[in-house]
């Protein structure tokens, strides 16, 4: 196929401010792209909260813009965050907020923040973020990989289980949480103890040092790819050059 179709790999497709630094520090994702939901707090408030936390201490939790957790699964996540006793930032869409156990937000307000939406790249790029509990959608996966953030994966459907396998078994930048079904339940889910194990494993467990090292390696590779002269940079230039040359040839033929 490569003899008939020529491919040019470009990416990771992350705003330049987070990788190649080709844009000013003002051009963050708040001014870039399209957000499906309106953030609950201002970017300044969220940044101040992250700034107040210790480096690599915050557990960031988000299951994306499509996946809808069951009431019971939401309770398991809440129980894990409560038991971990670590600072956390949990994104729960407005339509899903009623699934949060009563009293949880108030009981954990001294160390945790529950928001309806946020700029994910800002969180992943912040030095206080220690790990990412994620559904492993491709955008979230590539953003965490590019920012060097270890992942605790809880895949839901479609490509997410495959992405989770790459996270743990190929790239070595995280762990996958196992799901279990208890007696009398119709559906298996990620249990509180498994989520707790995953966070501890990537932040301070036996594999934590290796996972952190691999995460930094992939972060470096991502930045190198989009930097001047990097593979992505060269491929974009080659692609544009070929288009220009094709136009010149067509004009000469005329």
C-alpha atoms as a PDB file:
ATOM      1  CA  UNK A   1       0.000   0.000   0.000  1.00  0.00           C
ATOM      2  CA  UNK A   2       2.868   2.380   0.786  1.00  0.00           C
ATOM      3  CA  UNK A   3       3.840   2.271  -2.923  1.00  0.00           C
ATOM      4  CA  UNK A   4       0.432   3.629  -3.939  1.00  0.00           C
ATOM      5  CA  UNK A   5      -0.483   5.808  -0.977  1.00  0.00           C
ATOM      6  CA  UNK A   6       2.066   8.003   0.745  1.00  0.00           C
ATOM      7  CA  UNK A   7       1.349   8.976   4.338  1.00  0.00           C
ATOM      8  CA  UNK A   8       2.728  11.869   6.354  1.00  0.00           C
ATOM      9  CA  UNK A   9       2.459  11.565  10.128  1.00  0.00           C
ATOM     10  CA  UNK A  10       1.631  14.846  11.858  1.00  0.00           C
ATOM     11  CA  UNK A  11       1.246  15.352  15.582  1.00  0.00           C
ATOM     12  CA  UNK A  12       0.565  15.298  18.373  1.00  0.00           C
ATOM     13  CA  UNK A  13      -2.007  17.942  17.528  1.00  0.00           C
ATOM     14  CA  UNK A  14      -1.686  19.920  20.746  1.00  0.00           C
ATOM     15  CA  UNK A  15      -1.790  23.762  20.824  1.00  0.00           C
ATOM     16  CA  UNK A  16       1.746  25.057  20.391  1.00  0.00           C
ATOM     17  CA  UNK A  17       1.903  26.864  23.725  1.00  0.00           C
ATOM     18  CA  UNK A  18       1.984  23.483  25.477  1.00  0.00           C
ATOM     19  CA  UNK A  19       4.660  21.854  23.315  1.00  0.00           C
ATOM     20  CA  UNK A  20       6.758  23.862  20.870  1.00  0.00           C
ATOM     21  CA  UNK A  21       6.113  27.186  22.667  1.00  0.00           C
ATOM     22  CA  UNK A  22       5.619  28.912  19.315  1.00  0.00           C
ATOM     23  CA  UNK A  23       2.685  30.925  20.645  1.00  0.00           C
ATOM     24  CA  UNK A  24       2.667  33.433  23.487  1.00  0.00           C
ATOM     25  CA  UNK A  25       1.755  32.365  26.994  1.00  0.00           C
ATOM     26  CA  UNK A  26      -1.578  34.181  26.576  1.00  0.00           C
ATOM     27  CA  UNK A  27      -2.690  31.817  23.813  1.00  0.00           C
ATOM     28  CA  UNK A  28      -3.898  29.047  26.091  1.00  0.00           C
ATOM     29  CA  UNK A  29      -6.723  26.645  25.321  1.00  0.00           C
ATOM     30  CA  UNK A  30      -9.195  29.182  26.730  1.00  0.00           C
ATOM     31  CA  UNK A  31      -8.668  31.146  23.526  1.00  0.00           C
ATOM     32  CA  UNK A  32      -8.042  28.080  21.378  1.00  0.00           C
ATOM     33  CA  UNK A  33     -10.581  25.725  19.847  1.00  0.00           C
ATOM     34  CA  UNK A  34     -14.138  24.918  20.887  1.00  0.00           C
ATOM     35  CA  UNK A  35     -15.466  23.778  24.253  1.00  0.00           C
ATOM     36  CA  UNK A  36     -18.635  21.708  24.468  1.00  0.00           C
ATOM     37  CA  UNK A  37     -19.447  22.946  27.970  1.00  0.00           C
ATOM     38  CA  UNK A  38     -19.114  26.172  29.910  1.00  0.00           C
ATOM     39  CA  UNK A  39     -16.571  25.979  32.768  1.00  0.00           C
ATOM     40  CA  UNK A  40     -18.010  26.408  36.246  1.00  0.00           C
ATOM     41  CA  UNK A  41     -15.045  28.446  37.512  1.00  0.00           C
ATOM     42  CA  UNK A  42     -12.903  31.071  35.843  1.00  0.00           C
ATOM     43  CA  UNK A  43      -9.457  30.018  34.524  1.00  0.00           C
ATOM     44  CA  UNK A  44      -7.884  32.279  37.153  1.00  0.00           C
ATOM     45  CA  UNK A  45      -9.707  30.568  40.029  1.00  0.00           C
ATOM     46  CA  UNK A  46      -8.729  27.102  38.841  1.00  0.00           C
ATOM     47  CA  UNK A  47      -5.099  28.123  38.296  1.00  0.00           C
ATOM     48  CA  UNK A  48      -4.922  29.613  41.782  1.00  0.00           C
ATOM     49  CA  UNK A  49      -6.281  26.388  43.249  1.00  0.00           C
ATOM     50  CA  UNK A  50      -3.713  24.305  41.352  1.00  0.00           C
ATOM     51  CA  UNK A  51      -0.944  26.733  42.335  1.00  0.00           C
ATOM     52  CA  UNK A  52      -1.821  26.177  46.001  1.00  0.00           C
ATOM     53  CA  UNK A  53      -1.139  22.419  45.760  1.00  0.00           C
ATOM     54  CA  UNK A  54       2.192  20.616  46.064  1.00  0.00           C
ATOM     55  CA  UNK A  55       3.998  19.510  42.862  1.00  0.00           C
ATOM     56  CA  UNK A  56       2.686  16.243  41.401  1.00  0.00           C
ATOM     57  CA  UNK A  57       0.140  15.819  44.192  1.00  0.00           C
ATOM     58  CA  UNK A  58      -3.246  16.381  42.537  1.00  0.00           C
ATOM     59  CA  UNK A  59      -5.347  13.486  41.278  1.00  0.00           C
ATOM     60  CA  UNK A  60      -7.166  14.739  38.186  1.00  0.00           C
ATOM     61  CA  UNK A  61     -10.339  12.803  37.335  1.00  0.00           C
ATOM     62  CA  UNK A  62     -12.353  13.168  34.142  1.00  0.00           C
ATOM     63  CA  UNK A  63     -14.355  10.745  32.014  1.00  0.00           C
ATOM     64  CA  UNK A  64     -14.754  13.011  29.005  1.00  0.00           C
ATOM     65  CA  UNK A  65     -17.680  14.671  27.297  1.00  0.00           C
ATOM     66  CA  UNK A  66     -19.622  11.578  26.153  1.00  0.00           C
ATOM     67  CA  UNK A  67     -19.342   8.756  28.695  1.00  0.00           C
ATOM     68  CA  UNK A  68     -22.055   8.722  31.351  1.00  0.00           C
ATOM     69  CA  UNK A  69     -21.194   6.826  34.528  1.00  0.00           C
ATOM     70  CA  UNK A  70     -23.884   4.950  36.415  1.00  0.00           C
ATOM     71  CA  UNK A  71     -24.902   6.181  39.840  1.00  0.00           C
ATOM     72  CA  UNK A  72     -23.058   3.258  41.416  1.00  0.00           C
ATOM     73  CA  UNK A  73     -19.876   3.838  39.413  1.00  0.00           C
ATOM     74  CA  UNK A  74     -19.915   7.509  40.409  1.00  0.00           C
ATOM     75  CA  UNK A  75     -20.245   6.434  44.046  1.00  0.00           C
ATOM     76  CA  UNK A  76     -17.233   4.127  43.668  1.00  0.00           C
ATOM     77  CA  UNK A  77     -15.121   6.978  42.261  1.00  0.00           C
ATOM     78  CA  UNK A  78     -16.214   9.285  45.082  1.00  0.00           C
ATOM     79  CA  UNK A  79     -15.420   6.642  47.701  1.00  0.00           C
ATOM     80  CA  UNK A  80     -11.946   6.148  46.237  1.00  0.00           C
ATOM     81  CA  UNK A  81     -11.191   9.881  46.266  1.00  0.00           C
ATOM     82  CA  UNK A  82     -12.442  10.164  49.832  1.00  0.00           C
ATOM     83  CA  UNK A  83     -10.319   7.247  51.029  1.00  0.00           C
ATOM     84  CA  UNK A  84      -7.182   8.371  49.190  1.00  0.00           C
ATOM     85  CA  UNK A  85      -7.057  11.565  51.236  1.00  0.00           C
ATOM     86  CA  UNK A  86      -5.163  13.391  48.460  1.00  0.00           C
ATOM     87  CA  UNK A  87      -5.901  16.681  46.712  1.00  0.00           C
ATOM     88  CA  UNK A  88      -8.113  16.048  43.695  1.00  0.00           C
ATOM     89  CA  UNK A  89      -9.837  17.823  40.835  1.00  0.00           C
ATOM     90  CA  UNK A  90     -12.889  15.925  39.599  1.00  0.00           C
ATOM     91  CA  UNK A  91     -14.782  16.962  36.478  1.00  0.00           C
ATOM     92  CA  UNK A  92     -18.439  15.969  36.630  1.00  0.00           C
ATOM     93  CA  UNK A  93     -20.650  17.438  33.918  1.00  0.00           C
ATOM     94  CA  UNK A  94     -23.635  19.477  35.083  1.00  0.00           C
ATOM     95  CA  UNK A  95     -26.022  16.804  33.837  1.00  0.00           C
ATOM     96  CA  UNK A  96     -24.222  14.214  35.984  1.00  0.00           C
ATOM     97  CA  UNK A  97     -23.885  16.202  39.228  1.00  0.00           C
ATOM     98  CA  UNK A  98     -26.901  14.602  40.904  1.00  0.00           C
ATOM     99  CA  UNK A  99     -25.033  11.275  40.882  1.00  0.00           C
ATOM    100  CA  UNK A 100     -22.428  12.562  43.357  1.00  0.00           C
ATOM    101  CA  UNK A 101     -23.145  11.126  46.836  1.00  0.00           C
ATOM    102  CA  UNK A 102     -24.799  13.645  49.208  1.00  0.00           C
ATOM    103  CA  UNK A 103     -22.287  15.474  51.381  1.00  0.00           C
ATOM    104  CA  UNK A 104     -19.255  14.399  49.358  1.00  0.00           C
ATOM    105  CA  UNK A 105     -18.400  17.855  48.017  1.00  0.00           C
ATOM    106  CA  UNK A 106     -18.714  19.442  51.458  1.00  0.00           C
ATOM    107  CA  UNK A 107     -16.816  16.669  53.262  1.00  0.00           C
ATOM    108  CA  UNK A 108     -13.846  16.867  50.879  1.00  0.00           C
ATOM    109  CA  UNK A 109     -13.793  20.628  50.230  1.00  0.00           C
ATOM    110  CA  UNK A 110     -10.590  21.035  52.277  1.00  0.00           C
ATOM    111  CA  UNK A 111      -8.593  19.126  49.675  1.00  0.00           C
ATOM    112  CA  UNK A 112     -10.793  18.557  46.635  1.00  0.00           C
ATOM    113  CA  UNK A 113     -12.538  20.510  43.916  1.00  0.00           C
ATOM    114  CA  UNK A 114     -15.498  19.235  41.877  1.00  0.00           C
ATOM    115  CA  UNK A 115     -16.148  21.230  38.694  1.00  0.00           C
ATOM    116  CA  UNK A 116     -18.589  20.896  35.813  1.00  0.00           C
ATOM    117  CA  UNK A 117     -15.879  21.513  33.200  1.00  0.00           C
ATOM    118  CA  UNK A 118     -12.366  22.892  32.830  1.00  0.00           C
ATOM    119  CA  UNK A 119      -9.572  23.400  30.337  1.00  0.00           C
ATOM    120  CA  UNK A 120      -8.005  19.945  30.478  1.00  0.00           C
ATOM    121  CA  UNK A 121      -4.704  20.917  28.887  1.00  0.00           C
ATOM    122  CA  UNK A 122      -4.215  23.630  31.512  1.00  0.00           C
ATOM    123  CA  UNK A 123      -4.666  21.025  34.240  1.00  0.00           C
ATOM    124  CA  UNK A 124      -2.444  18.395  32.626  1.00  0.00           C
ATOM    125  CA  UNK A 125       0.286  20.955  31.978  1.00  0.00           C
ATOM    126  CA  UNK A 126       0.287  22.210  35.569  1.00  0.00           C
ATOM    127  CA  UNK A 127       3.138  21.065  37.793  1.00  0.00           C
ATOM    128  CA  UNK A 128       0.803  20.122  40.660  1.00  0.00           C
ATOM    129  CA  UNK A 129      -0.989  17.411  38.635  1.00  0.00           C
ATOM    130  CA  UNK A 130       0.282  14.014  39.722  1.00  0.00           C
ATOM    131  CA  UNK A 131      -1.903  11.596  37.757  1.00  0.00           C
ATOM    132  CA  UNK A 132      -4.962  11.416  35.534  1.00  0.00           C
ATOM    133  CA  UNK A 133      -7.867   9.021  36.176  1.00  0.00           C
ATOM    134  CA  UNK A 134      -9.306   8.802  32.678  1.00  0.00           C
ATOM    135  CA  UNK A 135     -11.758   6.941  30.446  1.00  0.00           C
ATOM    136  CA  UNK A 136      -8.893   6.798  27.923  1.00  0.00           C
ATOM    137  CA  UNK A 137     -10.593   8.538  25.027  1.00  0.00           C
ATOM    138  CA  UNK A 138      -8.019   9.302  22.339  1.00  0.00           C
ATOM    139  CA  UNK A 139      -7.909  13.076  22.918  1.00  0.00           C
ATOM    140  CA  UNK A 140      -7.413  12.647  26.665  1.00  0.00           C
ATOM    141  CA  UNK A 141      -4.845   9.910  26.109  1.00  0.00           C
ATOM    142  CA  UNK A 142      -2.718  11.886  23.667  1.00  0.00           C
ATOM    143  CA  UNK A 143      -2.938  15.029  25.811  1.00  0.00           C
ATOM    144  CA  UNK A 144      -1.784  13.219  28.938  1.00  0.00           C
ATOM    145  CA  UNK A 145       0.962  11.443  26.991  1.00  0.00           C
ATOM    146  CA  UNK A 146       2.168  14.752  25.553  1.00  0.00           C
ATOM    147  CA  UNK A 147       2.108  16.467  28.943  1.00  0.00           C
ATOM    148  CA  UNK A 148       3.949  13.610  30.681  1.00  0.00           C
ATOM    149  CA  UNK A 149       1.148  12.789  33.137  1.00  0.00           C
ATOM    150  CA  UNK A 150       0.808   9.167  34.370  1.00  0.00           C
ATOM    151  CA  UNK A 151      -2.621   7.642  33.769  1.00  0.00           C
ATOM    152  CA  UNK A 152      -5.012   5.445  35.698  1.00  0.00           C
ATOM    153  CA  UNK A 153      -7.285   4.120  32.983  1.00  0.00           C
ATOM    154  CA  UNK A 154     -10.950   3.179  33.336  1.00  0.00           C
ATOM    155  CA  UNK A 155     -11.973   2.549  29.697  1.00  0.00           C
ATOM    156  CA  UNK A 156     -15.677   2.542  28.856  1.00  0.00           C
ATOM    157  CA  UNK A 157     -16.230   1.612  25.178  1.00  0.00           C
ATOM    158  CA  UNK A 158     -15.075   1.862  21.518  1.00  0.00           C
ATOM    159  CA  UNK A 159     -11.309   2.473  21.172  1.00  0.00           C
ATOM    160  CA  UNK A 160     -10.813   3.123  24.882  1.00  0.00           C
ATOM    161  CA  UNK A 161      -9.828  -0.432  25.953  1.00  0.00           C
ATOM    162  CA  UNK A 162      -7.227  -0.499  23.158  1.00  0.00           C
ATOM    163  CA  UNK A 163      -5.898   2.904  24.210  1.00  0.00           C
ATOM    164  CA  UNK A 164      -5.710   1.677  27.801  1.00  0.00           C
ATOM    165  CA  UNK A 165      -3.666  -1.346  26.718  1.00  0.00           C
ATOM    166  CA  UNK A 166      -1.187   0.939  24.972  1.00  0.00           C
ATOM    167  CA  UNK A 167      -0.967   3.140  28.074  1.00  0.00           C
ATOM    168  CA  UNK A 168       0.035   0.230  30.302  1.00  0.00           C
ATOM    169  CA  UNK A 169       1.632  -2.424  28.084  1.00  0.00           C
ATOM    170  CA  UNK A 170       3.236  -0.458  25.236  1.00  0.00           C
ATOM    171  CA  UNK A 171       4.086   3.035  26.455  1.00  0.00           C
ATOM    172  CA  UNK A 172       4.376   2.112  30.132  1.00  0.00           C
ATOM    173  CA  UNK A 173       2.853   5.379  31.352  1.00  0.00           C
ATOM    174  CA  UNK A 174       0.056   4.093  33.555  1.00  0.00           C
ATOM    175  CA  UNK A 175      -2.085   1.221  34.792  1.00  0.00           C
ATOM    176  CA  UNK A 176      -5.487  -0.138  33.899  1.00  0.00           C
ATOM    177  CA  UNK A 177      -8.104  -0.532  36.605  1.00  0.00           C
ATOM    178  CA  UNK A 178      -9.818  -3.905  36.554  1.00  0.00           C
ATOM    179  CA  UNK A 179     -13.597  -4.119  36.662  1.00  0.00           C
ATOM    180  CA  UNK A 180     -15.505  -6.631  38.772  1.00  0.00           C
ATOM    181  CA  UNK A 181     -19.136  -7.679  39.174  1.00  0.00           C
ATOM    182  CA  UNK A 182     -20.508  -8.414  42.612  1.00  0.00           C
ATOM    183  CA  UNK A 183     -23.282 -10.849  43.428  1.00  0.00           C
ATOM    184  CA  UNK A 184     -26.665  -9.516  42.442  1.00  0.00           C
ATOM    185  CA  UNK A 185     -25.272  -6.850  40.105  1.00  0.00           C
ATOM    186  CA  UNK A 186     -25.905  -6.849  36.369  1.00  0.00           C
ATOM    187  CA  UNK A 187     -22.829  -4.892  35.293  1.00  0.00           C
ATOM    188  CA  UNK A 188     -19.158  -5.005  36.208  1.00  0.00           C
ATOM    189  CA  UNK A 189     -17.504  -1.740  37.184  1.00  0.00           C
ATOM    190  CA  UNK A 190     -14.312  -0.247  38.568  1.00  0.00           C
ATOM    191  CA  UNK A 191     -14.448  -0.626  42.332  1.00  0.00           C
ATOM    192  CA  UNK A 192     -13.306   1.859  44.942  1.00  0.00           C
ATOM    193  CA  UNK A 193     -10.367  -0.292  46.028  1.00  0.00           C
ATOM    194  CA  UNK A 194      -9.199  -0.801  42.444  1.00  0.00           C
ATOM    195  CA  UNK A 195      -9.290   2.919  41.666  1.00  0.00           C
ATOM    196  CA  UNK A 196      -7.460   3.616  44.916  1.00  0.00           C
ATOM    197  CA  UNK A 197      -4.845   0.986  44.017  1.00  0.00           C
ATOM    198  CA  UNK A 198      -4.332   2.522  40.573  1.00  0.00           C
ATOM    199  CA  UNK A 199      -3.690   6.015  41.918  1.00  0.00           C
ATOM    200  CA  UNK A 200      -1.279   4.774  44.581  1.00  0.00           C
ATOM    201  CA  UNK A 201       0.493   2.529  42.050  1.00  0.00           C
ATOM    202  CA  UNK A 202       1.307   5.351  39.611  1.00  0.00           C
ATOM    203  CA  UNK A 203       2.146   7.921  42.271  1.00  0.00           C
ATOM    204  CA  UNK A 204       4.135   5.963  44.840  1.00  0.00           C
ATOM    205  CA  UNK A 205       3.880   2.214  44.161  1.00  0.00           C
ATOM    206  CA  UNK A 206       6.538  -0.205  42.935  1.00  0.00           C
ATOM    207  CA  UNK A 207       6.083   0.869  39.322  1.00  0.00           C
ATOM    208  CA  UNK A 208       5.715   4.600  39.994  1.00  0.00           C
ATOM    209  CA  UNK A 209       9.340   5.534  39.268  1.00  0.00           C
ATOM    210  CA  UNK A 210       9.375   3.669  35.953  1.00  0.00           C
ATOM    211  CA  UNK A 211       5.984   5.048  34.944  1.00  0.00           C
ATOM    212  CA  UNK A 212       7.089   8.601  35.701  1.00  0.00           C
ATOM    213  CA  UNK A 213      10.313   8.074  33.726  1.00  0.00           C
ATOM    214  CA  UNK A 214       8.386   6.747  30.720  1.00  0.00           C
ATOM    215  CA  UNK A 215       5.894   9.614  30.936  1.00  0.00           C
ATOM    216  CA  UNK A 216       8.728  12.137  30.799  1.00  0.00           C
ATOM    217  CA  UNK A 217      10.253  10.280  27.841  1.00  0.00           C
ATOM    218  CA  UNK A 218       7.059  10.493  25.799  1.00  0.00           C
ATOM    219  CA  UNK A 219       6.629  14.144  26.760  1.00  0.00           C
ATOM    220  CA  UNK A 220      10.110  14.852  25.409  1.00  0.00           C
ATOM    221  CA  UNK A 221       9.383  12.924  22.197  1.00  0.00           C
ATOM    222  CA  UNK A 222       6.115  14.812  21.674  1.00  0.00           C
ATOM    223  CA  UNK A 223       7.850  18.154  22.002  1.00  0.00           C
ATOM    224  CA  UNK A 224      10.654  17.067  19.688  1.00  0.00           C
ATOM    225  CA  UNK A 225       8.160  16.005  17.004  1.00  0.00           C
ATOM    226  CA  UNK A 226       6.494  19.418  16.734  1.00  0.00           C
ATOM    227  CA  UNK A 227       9.615  21.532  17.287  1.00  0.00           C
ATOM    228  CA  UNK A 228      11.374  23.254  14.371  1.00  0.00           C
ATOM    229  CA  UNK A 229      12.958  20.486  12.321  1.00  0.00           C
ATOM    230  CA  UNK A 230      11.047  17.754  14.150  1.00  0.00           C
ATOM    231  CA  UNK A 231       9.294  14.896  12.339  1.00  0.00           C
ATOM    232  CA  UNK A 232       5.865  16.545  12.405  1.00  0.00           C
ATOM    233  CA  UNK A 233       7.295  19.908  11.397  1.00  0.00           C
ATOM    234  CA  UNK A 234       9.180  18.373   8.468  1.00  0.00           C
ATOM    235  CA  UNK A 235       6.194  16.327   7.306  1.00  0.00           C
ATOM    236  CA  UNK A 236       3.924  19.368   7.199  1.00  0.00           C
ATOM    237  CA  UNK A 237       6.514  21.269   5.160  1.00  0.00           C
ATOM    238  CA  UNK A 238       6.981  18.308   2.797  1.00  0.00           C
ATOM    239  CA  UNK A 239       3.226  17.989   2.332  1.00  0.00           C
ATOM    240  CA  UNK A 240       2.818  21.689   1.511  1.00  0.00           C
ATOM    241  CA  UNK A 241       5.830  21.585  -0.829  1.00  0.00           C
ATOM    242  CA  UNK A 242       4.310  18.670  -2.738  1.00  0.00           C
ATOM    243  CA  UNK A 243       1.008  20.508  -3.171  1.00  0.00           C
ATOM    244  CA  UNK A 244       2.823  23.593  -4.444  1.00  0.00           C
ATOM    245  CA  UNK A 245       4.911  21.516  -6.854  1.00  0.00           C
ATOM    246  CA  UNK A 246       1.805  19.766  -8.178  1.00  0.00           C
ATOM    247  CA  UNK A 247       0.196  23.114  -8.902  1.00  0.00           C
ATOM    248  CA  UNK A 248       3.343  24.285 -10.715  1.00  0.00           C
ATOM    249  CA  UNK A 249       3.404  21.123 -12.836  1.00  0.00           C
ATOM    250  CA  UNK A 250      -0.249  21.545 -13.813  1.00  0.00           C
ATOM    251  CA  UNK A 251       0.415  25.112 -14.907  1.00  0.00           C
ATOM    252  CA  UNK A 252       3.406  24.032 -17.005  1.00  0.00           C
ATOM    253  CA  UNK A 253       1.313  21.332 -18.664  1.00  0.00           C
ATOM    254  CA  UNK A 254      -1.201  23.955 -19.675  1.00  0.00           C
END
